[in-house]
C-alpha cells in the first residue's frame, strides 16, 4: 500500500500518533471522528480534538506506518477520495 492510498481511505478507527502539534506532540490513540479541519482522537481515556493544519500525524495501517501532514488531508472526509492524488 502506498501513502497516497491511505490518504484516500477512511481514517476513522486507525491508530494515530501526533508528531508536531506543540500541545499534543506524542499523543497516541485511535481516530474516533474526522472533520474538514480536525481529528478527534481517543487517547488515555479522553477525547482530544486536534487541528489538521500545521500538524503531522503518523497512522498505522496493517503494520505499516505512514506520516501525513494535516494540510494534505484538509478536506471533508467524504471529499478526500476525489481531491487527494
N, C-alpha and C. Protein backbone atom coordinates (compact mmCIF):
# COMPACT_ATOMS: atom_id res chain seq x y z
N UNK A 1 0.83 -1.18 0.00
CA UNK A 1 0.00 0.00 0.00
C UNK A 1 0.88 1.24 0.00
N UNK A 2 0.49 2.21 -0.79
CA UNK A 2 1.22 3.47 -0.87
C UNK A 2 0.59 4.50 0.07
N UNK A 3 1.36 5.49 0.41
CA UNK A 3 0.91 6.58 1.26
C UNK A 3 -0.31 7.27 0.68
N UNK A 4 -0.32 7.51 -0.62
CA UNK A 4 -1.45 8.18 -1.27
C UNK A 4 -2.73 7.35 -1.17
N UNK A 5 -2.60 6.03 -1.15
CA UNK A 5 -3.77 5.16 -0.98
C UNK A 5 -4.38 5.36 0.41
N UNK A 6 -3.53 5.47 1.41
CA UNK A 6 -4.02 5.68 2.77
C UNK A 6 -4.74 7.01 2.88
N UNK A 7 -4.26 8.02 2.22
CA UNK A 7 -4.86 9.35 2.30
C UNK A 7 -6.25 9.38 1.68
N UNK A 8 -6.57 8.43 0.83
CA UNK A 8 -7.89 8.37 0.19
C UNK A 8 -8.88 7.50 0.95
N UNK A 9 -8.43 6.76 1.93
CA UNK A 9 -9.32 5.83 2.62
C UNK A 9 -9.86 6.42 3.92
N UNK A 10 -10.76 5.69 4.54
CA UNK A 10 -11.35 6.08 5.82
C UNK A 10 -10.28 6.01 6.90
N UNK A 11 -10.08 7.09 7.63
CA UNK A 11 -9.06 7.14 8.68
C UNK A 11 -9.63 6.83 10.06
N UNK A 12 -10.95 6.90 10.19
CA UNK A 12 -11.59 6.61 11.48
C UNK A 12 -11.32 5.15 11.84
N UNK A 13 -10.86 4.94 13.06
CA UNK A 13 -10.56 3.60 13.55
C UNK A 13 -9.09 3.24 13.49
N UNK A 14 -8.28 4.05 12.79
CA UNK A 14 -6.85 3.76 12.69
C UNK A 14 -6.10 4.27 13.92
N UNK A 15 -5.00 3.60 14.23
CA UNK A 15 -4.10 4.09 15.28
C UNK A 15 -3.35 5.29 14.73
N UNK A 16 -3.17 6.30 15.57
CA UNK A 16 -2.51 7.52 15.14
C UNK A 16 -1.63 8.07 16.25
N UNK A 17 -0.56 8.74 15.86
CA UNK A 17 0.30 9.46 16.78
C UNK A 17 0.48 10.86 16.23
N UNK A 18 0.34 11.86 17.10
CA UNK A 18 0.53 13.25 16.70
C UNK A 18 2.02 13.54 16.83
N UNK A 19 2.63 14.02 15.73
CA UNK A 19 4.07 14.23 15.72
C UNK A 19 4.49 15.68 15.96
N UNK A 20 3.70 16.65 15.50
CA UNK A 20 4.24 18.01 15.50
C UNK A 20 3.45 19.06 16.26
N UNK A 21 2.25 18.77 16.71
CA UNK A 21 1.47 19.78 17.42
C UNK A 21 2.13 20.07 18.77
N UNK A 22 2.47 21.32 19.05
CA UNK A 22 3.18 21.62 20.30
C UNK A 22 2.45 21.13 21.56
N UNK A 23 1.16 21.33 21.62
CA UNK A 23 0.39 20.94 22.81
C UNK A 23 0.08 19.45 22.84
N UNK A 24 0.10 18.80 21.69
CA UNK A 24 -0.35 17.42 21.60
C UNK A 24 0.73 16.44 21.16
N UNK A 25 1.96 16.90 20.96
CA UNK A 25 3.03 16.03 20.47
C UNK A 25 3.14 14.78 21.34
N UNK A 26 3.21 13.64 20.69
CA UNK A 26 3.32 12.38 21.40
C UNK A 26 1.99 11.75 21.76
N UNK A 27 0.89 12.46 21.50
CA UNK A 27 -0.43 11.90 21.77
C UNK A 27 -0.65 10.72 20.85
N UNK A 28 -1.01 9.59 21.44
CA UNK A 28 -1.28 8.38 20.66
C UNK A 28 -2.69 7.91 20.98
N UNK A 29 -3.34 7.35 19.99
CA UNK A 29 -4.68 6.84 20.22
C UNK A 29 -5.32 6.35 18.94
N UNK A 30 -6.64 6.37 18.94
CA UNK A 30 -7.42 5.91 17.79
C UNK A 30 -8.27 7.06 17.30
N UNK A 31 -8.34 7.22 15.98
CA UNK A 31 -9.17 8.27 15.40
C UNK A 31 -10.64 7.88 15.59
N UNK A 32 -11.37 8.73 16.33
CA UNK A 32 -12.80 8.49 16.57
C UNK A 32 -13.67 9.16 15.53
N UNK A 33 -13.23 10.34 15.07
CA UNK A 33 -14.02 11.11 14.12
C UNK A 33 -13.09 12.06 13.39
N UNK A 34 -13.59 12.57 12.27
CA UNK A 34 -12.80 13.49 11.46
C UNK A 34 -13.73 14.53 10.86
N UNK A 35 -13.29 15.77 10.89
CA UNK A 35 -14.00 16.84 10.19
C UNK A 35 -13.03 17.40 9.16
N UNK A 36 -13.46 18.44 8.48
CA UNK A 36 -12.59 19.04 7.47
C UNK A 36 -11.29 19.54 8.09
N UNK A 37 -11.36 20.07 9.30
CA UNK A 37 -10.20 20.72 9.91
C UNK A 37 -9.59 20.00 11.10
N UNK A 38 -10.24 18.94 11.60
CA UNK A 38 -9.74 18.32 12.83
C UNK A 38 -9.85 16.79 12.80
N UNK A 39 -9.07 16.18 13.68
CA UNK A 39 -9.23 14.78 14.02
C UNK A 39 -9.64 14.74 15.48
N UNK A 40 -10.57 13.86 15.83
CA UNK A 40 -10.90 13.62 17.23
C UNK A 40 -10.30 12.27 17.57
N UNK A 41 -9.39 12.29 18.54
CA UNK A 41 -8.61 11.11 18.89
C UNK A 41 -8.92 10.68 20.32
N UNK A 42 -9.15 9.39 20.50
CA UNK A 42 -9.32 8.83 21.84
C UNK A 42 -7.94 8.46 22.35
N UNK A 43 -7.53 9.12 23.44
CA UNK A 43 -6.20 8.90 23.98
C UNK A 43 -6.26 8.90 25.50
N UNK A 44 -5.80 7.85 26.12
CA UNK A 44 -5.75 7.72 27.58
C UNK A 44 -7.11 8.00 28.22
N UNK A 45 -8.16 7.49 27.61
CA UNK A 45 -9.50 7.62 28.17
C UNK A 45 -10.17 8.97 27.94
N UNK A 46 -9.53 9.84 27.17
CA UNK A 46 -10.09 11.16 26.88
C UNK A 46 -10.17 11.37 25.38
N UNK A 47 -11.11 12.21 24.97
CA UNK A 47 -11.21 12.57 23.56
C UNK A 47 -10.52 13.91 23.36
N UNK A 48 -9.65 13.98 22.39
CA UNK A 48 -8.91 15.21 22.11
C UNK A 48 -9.18 15.63 20.67
N UNK A 49 -9.53 16.91 20.48
CA UNK A 49 -9.75 17.45 19.15
C UNK A 49 -8.45 18.13 18.73
N UNK A 50 -7.85 17.62 17.66
CA UNK A 50 -6.55 18.11 17.22
C UNK A 50 -6.68 18.67 15.81
N UNK A 51 -6.27 19.92 15.60
CA UNK A 51 -6.37 20.52 14.27
C UNK A 51 -5.42 19.83 13.28
N UNK A 52 -5.87 19.73 12.04
CA UNK A 52 -5.04 19.13 10.98
C UNK A 52 -3.96 20.11 10.52
N UNK A 53 -4.36 21.36 10.34
CA UNK A 53 -3.46 22.38 9.79
C UNK A 53 -2.20 22.52 10.65
N UNK A 54 -1.05 22.56 9.99
CA UNK A 54 0.27 22.76 10.62
C UNK A 54 0.71 21.61 11.53
N UNK A 55 0.10 20.43 11.39
CA UNK A 55 0.49 19.30 12.22
C UNK A 55 0.78 18.08 11.35
N UNK A 56 1.57 17.17 11.90
CA UNK A 56 1.89 15.91 11.23
C UNK A 56 1.35 14.76 12.07
N UNK A 57 0.89 13.73 11.37
CA UNK A 57 0.30 12.57 12.03
C UNK A 57 0.93 11.30 11.46
N UNK A 58 1.17 10.34 12.33
CA UNK A 58 1.68 9.03 11.89
C UNK A 58 0.55 8.02 12.09
N UNK A 59 0.05 7.47 10.99
CA UNK A 59 -1.03 6.49 11.03
C UNK A 59 -0.43 5.10 10.86
N UNK A 60 -1.00 4.13 11.57
CA UNK A 60 -0.57 2.74 11.43
C UNK A 60 -1.71 1.97 10.79
N UNK A 61 -1.39 1.32 9.66
CA UNK A 61 -2.38 0.53 8.93
C UNK A 61 -1.73 -0.77 8.49
N UNK A 62 -2.30 -1.88 8.92
CA UNK A 62 -1.79 -3.22 8.60
C UNK A 62 -0.30 -3.35 8.88
N UNK A 63 0.12 -2.82 10.02
CA UNK A 63 1.52 -2.93 10.43
C UNK A 63 2.46 -1.94 9.80
N UNK A 64 1.99 -1.13 8.88
CA UNK A 64 2.82 -0.12 8.23
C UNK A 64 2.53 1.26 8.83
N UNK A 65 3.56 2.06 8.94
CA UNK A 65 3.43 3.41 9.49
C UNK A 65 3.56 4.43 8.36
N UNK A 66 2.60 5.36 8.30
CA UNK A 66 2.58 6.38 7.27
C UNK A 66 2.50 7.75 7.93
N UNK A 67 3.42 8.66 7.57
CA UNK A 67 3.41 10.02 8.10
C UNK A 67 2.72 10.91 7.08
N UNK A 68 1.71 11.64 7.56
CA UNK A 68 0.91 12.50 6.69
C UNK A 68 0.81 13.88 7.33
N UNK A 69 1.03 14.90 6.53
CA UNK A 69 0.82 16.27 7.00
C UNK A 69 -0.68 16.55 7.00
N UNK A 70 -1.14 17.19 8.04
CA UNK A 70 -2.56 17.52 8.14
C UNK A 70 -3.05 18.35 6.99
N UNK A 71 -2.21 19.23 6.48
CA UNK A 71 -2.61 20.09 5.36
C UNK A 71 -2.88 19.29 4.09
N UNK A 72 -2.32 18.07 4.00
CA UNK A 72 -2.56 17.23 2.83
C UNK A 72 -3.93 16.57 2.84
N UNK A 73 -4.55 16.49 4.00
CA UNK A 73 -5.87 15.88 4.12
C UNK A 73 -6.88 16.90 4.66
N UNK A 74 -6.65 18.15 4.35
CA UNK A 74 -7.50 19.25 4.82
C UNK A 74 -8.72 19.37 3.92
N UNK A 75 -9.52 18.31 3.92
CA UNK A 75 -10.75 18.23 3.13
C UNK A 75 -11.81 17.57 4.01
N UNK A 76 -13.05 17.72 3.61
CA UNK A 76 -14.08 16.95 4.26
C UNK A 76 -13.79 15.49 3.97
N UNK A 77 -13.98 14.61 4.95
CA UNK A 77 -13.64 13.20 4.73
C UNK A 77 -14.30 12.60 3.50
N UNK A 78 -15.55 12.97 3.24
CA UNK A 78 -16.25 12.41 2.09
C UNK A 78 -15.74 12.94 0.75
N UNK A 79 -15.00 14.07 0.76
CA UNK A 79 -14.46 14.64 -0.48
C UNK A 79 -13.00 14.23 -0.71
N UNK A 80 -12.35 13.68 0.31
CA UNK A 80 -10.92 13.37 0.20
C UNK A 80 -10.62 12.41 -0.92
N UNK A 81 -11.49 11.44 -1.18
CA UNK A 81 -11.26 10.45 -2.24
C UNK A 81 -11.09 11.15 -3.59
N UNK A 82 -11.86 12.18 -3.82
CA UNK A 82 -11.82 12.89 -5.10
C UNK A 82 -10.63 13.85 -5.20
N UNK A 83 -10.22 14.45 -4.07
CA UNK A 83 -9.26 15.54 -4.11
C UNK A 83 -7.82 15.11 -3.93
N UNK A 84 -7.56 14.10 -3.13
CA UNK A 84 -6.18 13.67 -2.85
C UNK A 84 -5.66 12.87 -4.02
N UNK A 85 -4.48 13.19 -4.46
CA UNK A 85 -3.85 12.48 -5.59
C UNK A 85 -2.62 11.75 -5.14
